[in-house]
């Protein structure tokens, strides 16, 4: 049966396309298919890595096993594509809100949409609307100036908000950019110091300072409006993006404007990850946040005695802070291994680089992601759990929380 899709139809179904034909498929059926594909991937890995096959010379088996893994990987990719929808469905819902914001703020605002045809996981699309609403509202209310102020600053009286999407590697980048006044560094820093987030003489770099706006209740607004200013919303946005395994980047220049970028994985079902062991526990991290891996030289390890035993490693004149998972989880450090005997994995985060010492690294794997079970759902820096082909389970780490210590 063929039919044309509509915006309302895709809310409860996914559309598979072949040529000019469209086939409506229940989103629940696609989710079930992806679950089965995940189980298939695990079963194949368990078979190929079976202890019964160790030390056996099975050249033909290894060739067949490699071919089977390639086929399963392709099935995973195709099944993930079935659950993808165009991000334009979310973007276009912003037009009505912009018209309402114009009326409420007495400002002239134009909305430009770019990359509407970019496809994202439907689970992401369903949860993306509210975070975008928060950022667009803030851009309209706090970012864009009044028409008179813009003319006085030599700008067009109509403010512009650009909503764009693009696929970059295995991520989707959603960007909200405005040509307003930019973030007020002095006011944000003063508020952060008032709340004890920084010392009186601290002057953090912009990339670090901007992150404080995601603190619960943080607001620099002098008055509360029905649009924004209550100090709620941005922390909810941050938590939502983290739950989607995403990151938020902020760029801002005074008098020029601000840009918020959400980097979200293309699919939430499968994760290209690096699996590692620390002590007796297995962990995994998304491969795209890994900057480099090395074994540190003893003379490059610098203890910071004044900071409760913290350590940094010097790499090419850059000092990288070290996060020991034992310390992060408040475990005993009695049997801690010297850093020179461990492997350091360096991660890129929104607050800079951070190094994680591990005892062993396994090869890169595409794993099946599952939510953390209720018993360990509150584990710190836990994004979820990864089901490995060996039948073991690894905790997927959120590196943003590792560097923030939360």
Protein backbone atom coordinates (compact mmCIF):
# COMPACT_ATOMS: atom_id res chain seq x y z
CA UNK A 1 0.00 0.00 0.00
CA UNK A 2 1.47 3.36 -1.02
CA UNK A 3 0.64 6.81 0.21
CA UNK A 4 2.18 10.22 0.73
CA UNK A 5 3.49 11.06 4.19
CA UNK A 6 2.36 14.04 6.22
CA UNK A 7 3.76 15.77 9.28
CA UNK A 8 1.08 14.25 11.49
CA UNK A 9 1.51 10.76 10.06
CA UNK A 10 5.16 10.53 11.06
CA UNK A 11 4.36 11.28 14.68
CA UNK A 12 3.20 7.70 15.22
CA UNK A 13 4.91 5.88 12.35
CA UNK A 14 8.20 5.65 10.50
CA UNK A 15 8.27 5.87 6.71
CA UNK A 16 10.38 3.56 4.58
CA UNK A 17 11.17 4.86 1.10
CA UNK A 18 11.85 2.92 -2.09
CA UNK A 19 11.91 4.95 -5.29
CA UNK A 20 8.82 7.14 -5.29
CA UNK A 21 6.84 4.82 -3.02
CA UNK A 22 6.21 5.38 0.68
CA UNK A 23 5.33 2.67 3.16
CA UNK A 24 4.02 3.56 6.61
CA UNK A 25 5.51 1.38 9.34
CA UNK A 26 4.57 1.48 13.01
CA UNK A 27 7.37 2.99 15.08
CA UNK A 28 6.83 0.19 17.61
CA UNK A 29 7.57 -2.40 14.92
CA UNK A 30 10.78 -0.60 13.98
CA UNK A 31 11.81 -0.46 17.65
CA UNK A 32 11.12 -4.19 17.95
CA UNK A 33 13.21 -4.84 14.84
CA UNK A 34 16.11 -2.86 16.28
CA UNK A 35 15.90 -4.82 19.53
CA UNK A 36 16.07 -8.07 17.58
CA UNK A 37 19.01 -6.79 15.51
CA UNK A 38 20.76 -5.93 18.76
CA UNK A 39 20.19 -9.44 20.08
CA UNK A 40 21.45 -10.85 16.76
CA UNK A 41 24.62 -8.79 17.06
CA UNK A 42 25.22 -10.08 20.59
CA UNK A 43 24.58 -13.69 19.56
CA UNK A 44 27.03 -13.44 16.67
CA UNK A 45 29.70 -11.92 18.94
CA UNK A 46 29.15 -14.60 21.60
CA UNK A 47 29.53 -17.33 18.97
CA UNK A 48 32.66 -15.86 17.39
CA UNK A 49 34.27 -15.21 20.80
CA UNK A 50 33.28 -18.54 22.32
CA UNK A 51 35.97 -20.01 24.61
CA UNK A 52 35.45 -23.37 22.85
CA UNK A 53 37.09 -21.89 19.73
CA UNK A 54 40.22 -20.60 21.43
CA UNK A 55 43.55 -22.01 20.26
CA UNK A 56 41.89 -23.69 17.26
CA UNK A 57 43.17 -23.01 13.74
CA UNK A 58 39.98 -22.25 11.84
CA UNK A 59 40.99 -20.16 8.83
CA UNK A 60 37.75 -20.69 6.92
CA UNK A 61 35.68 -20.04 10.05
CA UNK A 62 37.45 -16.74 10.64
CA UNK A 63 36.75 -15.64 7.06
CA UNK A 64 33.07 -16.55 7.43
CA UNK A 65 32.91 -14.91 10.85
CA UNK A 66 34.34 -11.66 9.45
CA UNK A 67 31.83 -11.71 6.61
CA UNK A 68 29.01 -12.37 9.08
CA UNK A 69 30.06 -9.42 11.25
CA UNK A 70 30.07 -7.13 8.21
CA UNK A 71 26.54 -8.26 7.29
CA UNK A 72 25.26 -7.74 10.85
CA UNK A 73 26.83 -4.26 10.89
CA UNK A 74 25.03 -3.43 7.65
CA UNK A 75 21.74 -4.71 9.08
CA UNK A 76 22.26 -2.49 12.13
CA UNK A 77 22.83 0.55 9.93
CA UNK A 78 19.80 -0.17 7.74
CA UNK A 79 17.48 -0.81 10.70
CA UNK A 80 18.67 2.43 12.32
CA UNK A 81 17.87 4.30 9.09
CA UNK A 82 14.28 3.04 9.22
CA UNK A 83 13.74 5.03 12.42
CA UNK A 84 15.09 8.26 10.98
CA UNK A 85 12.92 11.26 10.15
CA UNK A 86 13.75 14.67 8.72
CA UNK A 87 14.64 17.25 11.35
CA UNK A 88 12.58 19.77 9.40
CA UNK A 89 9.48 18.33 11.10
CA UNK A 90 10.81 19.73 14.38
CA UNK A 91 12.21 22.94 12.90
CA UNK A 92 8.98 23.98 11.21
CA UNK A 93 7.13 23.89 14.53
CA UNK A 94 9.29 26.85 15.58
CA UNK A 95 7.74 29.24 13.04
CA UNK A 96 4.51 29.68 14.99
CA UNK A 97 6.48 30.22 18.21
CA UNK A 98 8.60 32.92 16.53
CA UNK A 99 5.47 34.80 15.50
CA UNK A 100 4.22 34.62 19.09
CA UNK A 101 7.59 35.80 20.43
CA UNK A 102 7.51 38.79 18.08
CA UNK A 103 4.18 39.79 19.58
CA UNK A 104 5.32 39.27 23.19
CA UNK A 105 8.71 41.02 22.88
CA UNK A 106 7.73 43.75 20.38
CA UNK A 107 10.78 42.78 18.34
CA UNK A 108 11.12 42.01 14.66
CA UNK A 109 12.47 38.47 14.28
CA UNK A 110 13.18 36.37 11.20
CA UNK A 111 13.71 32.62 11.41
CA UNK A 112 15.97 30.93 8.85
CA UNK A 113 15.93 27.13 8.56
CA UNK A 114 18.95 25.31 7.12
CA UNK A 115 19.39 21.58 6.53
CA UNK A 116 15.75 20.65 7.08
CA UNK A 117 16.27 17.45 5.08
CA UNK A 118 18.87 16.15 7.58
CA UNK A 119 17.65 12.91 9.11
CA UNK A 120 17.79 12.06 12.81
CA UNK A 121 16.61 9.21 14.99
CA UNK A 122 12.91 9.56 15.70
CA UNK A 123 13.60 9.09 19.43
CA UNK A 124 15.87 12.14 19.23
CA UNK A 125 13.34 14.12 17.20
CA UNK A 126 10.61 13.43 19.77
CA UNK A 127 12.79 14.87 22.56
CA UNK A 128 14.48 17.66 20.64
CA UNK A 129 11.59 20.11 20.50
CA UNK A 130 11.62 21.24 24.15
CA UNK A 131 15.41 21.91 24.26
CA UNK A 132 15.13 23.95 21.07
CA UNK A 133 12.21 25.91 22.52
CA UNK A 134 14.33 26.95 25.54
CA UNK A 135 17.24 28.17 23.39
CA UNK A 136 15.09 29.96 20.81
CA UNK A 137 13.12 31.73 23.55
CA UNK A 138 16.31 32.89 25.24
CA UNK A 139 17.69 34.08 21.90
CA UNK A 140 14.52 36.10 21.24
CA UNK A 141 14.11 37.48 24.76
CA UNK A 142 17.70 38.05 25.92
CA UNK A 143 19.85 37.73 22.80
CA UNK A 144 18.15 39.93 20.22
CA UNK A 145 17.97 43.67 20.84
CA UNK A 146 14.95 45.87 20.22
CA UNK A 147 14.61 47.37 16.75
CA UNK A 148 15.76 50.79 18.01
CA UNK A 149 18.81 49.34 19.78
CA UNK A 150 19.78 47.36 16.69
CA UNK A 151 19.56 50.40 14.44
CA UNK A 152 21.66 52.39 16.92
CA UNK A 153 24.27 49.60 16.81
CA UNK A 154 24.35 49.67 13.02
CA UNK A 155 22.40 46.44 12.59
CA UNK A 156 19.23 45.73 10.59
CA UNK A 157 16.18 46.41 12.77
CA UNK A 158 15.01 42.82 12.21
CA UNK A 159 16.85 40.29 14.36
CA UNK A 160 17.76 36.93 12.87
CA UNK A 161 17.70 33.44 14.37
CA UNK A 162 19.19 30.64 12.26
CA UNK A 163 18.18 27.06 13.03
CA UNK A 164 20.38 24.58 11.17
CA UNK A 165 21.19 20.88 11.07
CA UNK A 166 23.98 18.87 9.46
CA UNK A 167 25.46 15.41 9.77
CA UNK A 168 29.10 15.48 10.87
CA UNK A 169 30.57 11.98 10.97
CA UNK A 170 28.44 9.87 13.28
CA UNK A 171 26.81 12.91 14.90
CA UNK A 172 24.04 15.32 14.03
CA UNK A 173 24.85 18.96 14.78
CA UNK A 174 21.82 21.11 15.59
CA UNK A 175 22.68 24.81 15.79
CA UNK A 176 20.72 27.81 17.07
CA UNK A 177 22.46 31.05 16.12
CA UNK A 178 21.36 34.66 16.57
CA UNK A 179 22.85 38.03 15.61
CA UNK A 180 22.03 39.69 18.92
CA UNK A 181 24.06 41.21 21.72
CA UNK A 182 25.84 38.00 22.78
CA UNK A 183 26.24 36.59 26.28
CA UNK A 184 27.12 39.13 28.99
CA UNK A 185 30.41 37.76 30.33
CA UNK A 186 30.72 40.27 33.19
CA UNK A 187 27.20 39.64 34.48
CA UNK A 188 27.46 35.85 34.16
CA UNK A 189 30.84 35.80 35.94
CA UNK A 190 29.56 38.07 38.73
CA UNK A 191 26.54 35.82 39.25
CA UNK A 192 28.74 32.73 39.23
CA UNK A 193 31.04 34.23 41.87
CA UNK A 194 28.00 35.24 43.92
CA UNK A 195 26.88 31.62 43.92
CA UNK A 196 30.35 30.40 44.88
CA UNK A 197 31.07 28.72 41.55
CA UNK A 198 34.27 30.75 41.18
CA UNK A 199 36.60 32.58 43.51
CA UNK A 200 36.75 36.36 43.72
CA UNK A 201 39.87 36.56 41.54
CA UNK A 202 39.07 33.78 39.08
CA UNK A 203 38.94 34.62 35.37
CA UNK A 204 37.86 31.40 33.62
CA UNK A 205 37.99 31.14 29.81
CA UNK A 206 34.73 31.74 27.96
CA UNK A 207 34.31 28.06 27.01
CA UNK A 208 34.30 27.14 30.70
CA UNK A 209 32.31 30.10 31.97
CA UNK A 210 29.42 29.61 29.56
CA UNK A 211 28.74 26.20 31.09
CA UNK A 212 27.50 27.78 34.35
CA UNK A 213 24.29 28.90 32.65
CA UNK A 214 23.23 25.25 32.78
CA UNK A 215 23.30 25.26 36.58
CA UNK A 216 19.85 24.77 38.12
CA UNK A 217 18.28 28.12 38.99
CA UNK A 218 21.04 30.16 37.32
CA UNK A 219 19.78 33.38 35.74
CA UNK A 220 21.17 36.86 35.14
CA UNK A 221 17.82 38.35 34.16
CA UNK A 222 16.92 41.46 36.14
CA UNK A 223 13.22 40.66 35.84
CA UNK A 224 11.07 37.61 35.25
CA UNK A 225 8.88 37.53 32.15
CA UNK A 226 6.40 35.00 30.88
CA UNK A 227 9.07 33.97 28.37
CA UNK A 228 12.22 33.48 30.47
CA UNK A 229 14.18 34.70 33.47
CA UNK A 230 13.17 32.19 36.13
CA UNK A 231 16.45 30.28 36.04
CA UNK A 232 14.76 27.09 34.87
CA UNK A 233 14.91 25.56 31.44
CA UNK A 234 18.62 25.62 30.61
CA UNK A 235 19.43 22.97 33.21
CA UNK A 236 16.56 20.87 31.86
CA UNK A 237 17.94 21.37 28.35
CA UNK A 238 21.39 20.25 29.49
CA UNK A 239 20.04 17.12 31.18
CA UNK A 240 17.95 16.22 28.12
CA UNK A 241 20.92 16.50 25.76
CA UNK A 242 23.06 14.40 28.13
CA UNK A 243 20.36 11.73 28.20
CA UNK A 244 20.57 11.68 24.40
CA UNK A 245 24.35 11.10 24.76
CA UNK A 246 24.91 14.56 23.29
CA UNK A 247 27.04 17.60 24.03
CA UNK A 248 26.35 21.34 23.98
CA UNK A 249 28.86 23.83 22.61
CA UNK A 250 28.52 27.60 23.05
CA UNK A 251 30.15 30.39 21.08
CA UNK A 252 29.42 34.02 21.82
CA UNK A 253 30.86 37.41 20.92
CA UNK A 254 29.71 40.63 22.51
CA UNK A 255 27.62 42.70 20.14
CA UNK A 256 27.77 40.05 17.41
CA UNK A 257 25.63 37.19 18.68
CA UNK A 258 25.62 33.68 20.14
CA UNK A 259 25.60 30.16 18.77
CA UNK A 260 24.46 27.02 20.60
CA UNK A 261 25.40 23.70 19.02
CA UNK A 262 23.91 20.35 20.06
CA UNK A 263 26.03 17.37 18.97
CA UNK A 264 23.87 14.25 19.14
CA UNK A 265 24.65 10.70 17.93
CA UNK A 266 22.99 9.72 14.67
CA UNK A 267 21.37 6.74 16.36
CA UNK A 268 20.77 5.86 20.01
CA UNK A 269 20.45 2.10 19.49
CA UNK A 270 24.07 1.24 18.70
CA UNK A 271 27.27 2.86 19.93
CA UNK A 272 30.75 2.80 18.41
CA UNK A 273 32.73 2.57 21.60
CA UNK A 274 36.10 1.96 23.16
CA UNK A 275 35.90 -0.72 25.85
CA UNK A 276 38.35 -0.65 28.77
CA UNK A 277 39.01 -2.29 32.12
CA UNK A 278 39.76 -0.56 35.42
CA UNK A 279 40.36 -3.10 38.17
CA UNK A 280 37.67 -5.73 37.82
CA UNK A 281 35.14 -3.43 36.14
CA UNK A 282 34.49 -2.84 32.45
CA UNK A 283 33.69 0.60 31.05
CA UNK A 284 32.99 2.02 27.61
CA UNK A 285 33.02 5.48 26.07
CA UNK A 286 31.83 6.76 22.68
CA UNK A 287 34.80 6.51 20.33
CA UNK A 288 34.27 10.02 18.98
CA UNK A 289 35.20 11.69 22.29
CA UNK A 290 38.59 9.93 22.45
CA UNK A 291 41.44 12.33 21.64
CA UNK A 292 44.47 10.09 22.13
CA UNK A 293 45.80 7.09 24.04
CA UNK A 294 49.30 6.75 25.50
CA UNK A 295 51.37 5.33 28.34
CA UNK A 296 52.76 8.28 30.36
CA UNK A 297 56.43 8.80 31.10
CA UNK A 298 57.19 8.96 34.81
CA UNK A 299 58.79 12.41 34.58
CA UNK A 300 55.67 13.82 32.87
CA UNK A 301 53.42 12.92 35.82
CA UNK A 302 52.93 15.87 38.17
CA UNK A 303 51.19 15.36 41.53
CA UNK A 304 49.30 18.32 43.00
CA UNK A 305 49.75 17.81 46.74
CA UNK A 306 47.74 20.87 47.65
CA UNK A 307 44.66 19.50 45.89
CA UNK A 308 43.98 16.30 47.81
CA UNK A 309 46.32 14.13 45.80
CA UNK A 310 45.20 15.22 42.34
CA UNK A 311 47.48 14.54 39.37
CA UNK A 312 48.14 16.02 35.97
CA UNK A 313 50.11 14.67 33.02
CA UNK A 314 52.15 16.93 30.76
CA UNK A 315 51.68 16.14 27.07
CA UNK A 316 53.36 18.39 24.49
CA UNK A 317 53.39 21.34 26.93
CA UNK A 318 49.70 20.81 27.76
CA UNK A 319 48.72 19.82 31.31
CA UNK A 320 45.91 17.26 31.32
CA UNK A 321 44.05 16.65 34.61
CA UNK A 322 43.70 13.02 35.63
CA UNK A 323 40.46 11.45 36.83
CA UNK A 324 40.93 8.16 38.65
CA UNK A 325 37.65 6.27 38.68
CA UNK A 326 38.43 4.86 42.14
CA UNK A 327 38.59 8.39 43.51
CA UNK A 328 35.61 9.55 41.45
CA UNK A 329 33.49 6.77 42.96
CA UNK A 330 34.94 7.36 46.45
CA UNK A 331 36.54 3.92 46.55
CA UNK A 332 39.67 2.96 48.45
CA UNK A 333 42.89 4.20 46.86
CA UNK A 334 45.02 1.77 48.87
CA UNK A 335 45.92 -0.43 45.89
CA UNK A 336 46.09 2.36 43.33
CA UNK A 337 48.54 1.61 40.51
CA UNK A 338 51.15 4.21 39.58
CA UNK A 339 50.15 6.18 36.48
CA UNK A 340 53.33 5.14 34.66
CA UNK A 341 52.07 1.53 34.78
CA UNK A 342 48.69 2.40 33.32
CA UNK A 343 47.33 3.54 29.98
CA UNK A 344 45.91 7.07 29.75
CA UNK A 345 42.90 7.71 27.53
CA UNK A 346 42.40 11.42 26.82
CA UNK A 347 38.85 12.61 26.19
CA UNK A 348 37.57 15.82 24.60
CA UNK A 349 34.92 17.55 26.70
CA UNK A 350 33.23 20.94 26.64
CA UNK A 351 35.47 21.96 29.57
CA UNK A 352 38.71 20.78 27.98
CA UNK A 353 40.75 17.60 28.02
CA UNK A 354 40.66 14.98 30.77
CA UNK A 355 42.77 11.84 31.17
CA UNK A 356 41.41 8.52 32.42
CA UNK A 357 43.92 5.90 33.64
CA UNK A 358 42.90 2.33 32.72
CA UNK A 359 44.51 -1.07 33.19
CA UNK A 360 43.56 -2.55 29.83
CA UNK A 361 42.00 -1.48 26.53
CA UNK A 362 39.99 -3.78 24.32
CA UNK A 363 39.40 -3.15 20.65
CA UNK A 364 36.83 -0.71 19.31
CA UNK A 365 33.38 -2.29 19.26
CA UNK A 366 29.91 -1.38 18.11
CA UNK A 367 27.83 -2.25 21.16
CA UNK A 368 24.14 -2.40 21.94
CA UNK A 369 23.14 0.42 24.29
CA UNK A 370 20.62 -0.17 27.05
CA UNK A 371 19.42 2.10 29.88
CA UNK A 372 20.95 1.46 33.28
CA UNK A 373 18.84 -0.98 35.35
CA UNK A 374 16.84 0.65 38.14
CA UNK A 375 19.21 -0.65 40.83
CA UNK A 376 22.14 1.32 39.37
CA UNK A 377 20.24 4.01 37.47
CA UNK A 378 21.75 6.73 39.68
CA UNK A 379 25.36 5.71 39.10
CA UNK A 380 27.52 8.80 38.67
CA UNK A 381 28.62 9.61 35.11
CA UNK A 382 26.69 6.62 33.77
CA UNK A 383 25.08 7.10 30.34
CA UNK A 384 23.84 3.52 30.17
CA UNK A 385 25.20 0.03 29.84
CA UNK A 386 26.82 -1.63 26.85
CA UNK A 387 26.13 -5.29 26.14
CA UNK A 388 29.36 -6.89 24.92
CA UNK A 389 29.74 -9.89 22.66
CA UNK A 390 31.38 -11.84 25.47
CA UNK A 391 28.15 -11.64 27.46
CA UNK A 392 29.66 -9.08 29.84
CA UNK A 393 28.23 -5.64 30.59
CA UNK A 394 30.21 -2.38 30.57
CA UNK A 395 29.13 0.94 32.06
CA UNK A 396 29.11 3.68 29.41
CA UNK A 397 30.79 6.74 30.91
CA UNK A 398 29.71 10.35 30.49
CA UNK A 399 33.04 12.19 30.19
CA UNK A 400 31.37 15.57 30.74
CA UNK A 401 30.48 14.48 34.27
CA UNK A 402 33.93 13.02 34.84
CA UNK A 403 35.57 16.39 34.29
CA UNK A 404 32.96 18.30 36.30
CA UNK A 405 33.18 15.84 39.20
CA UNK A 406 29.38 15.43 39.41
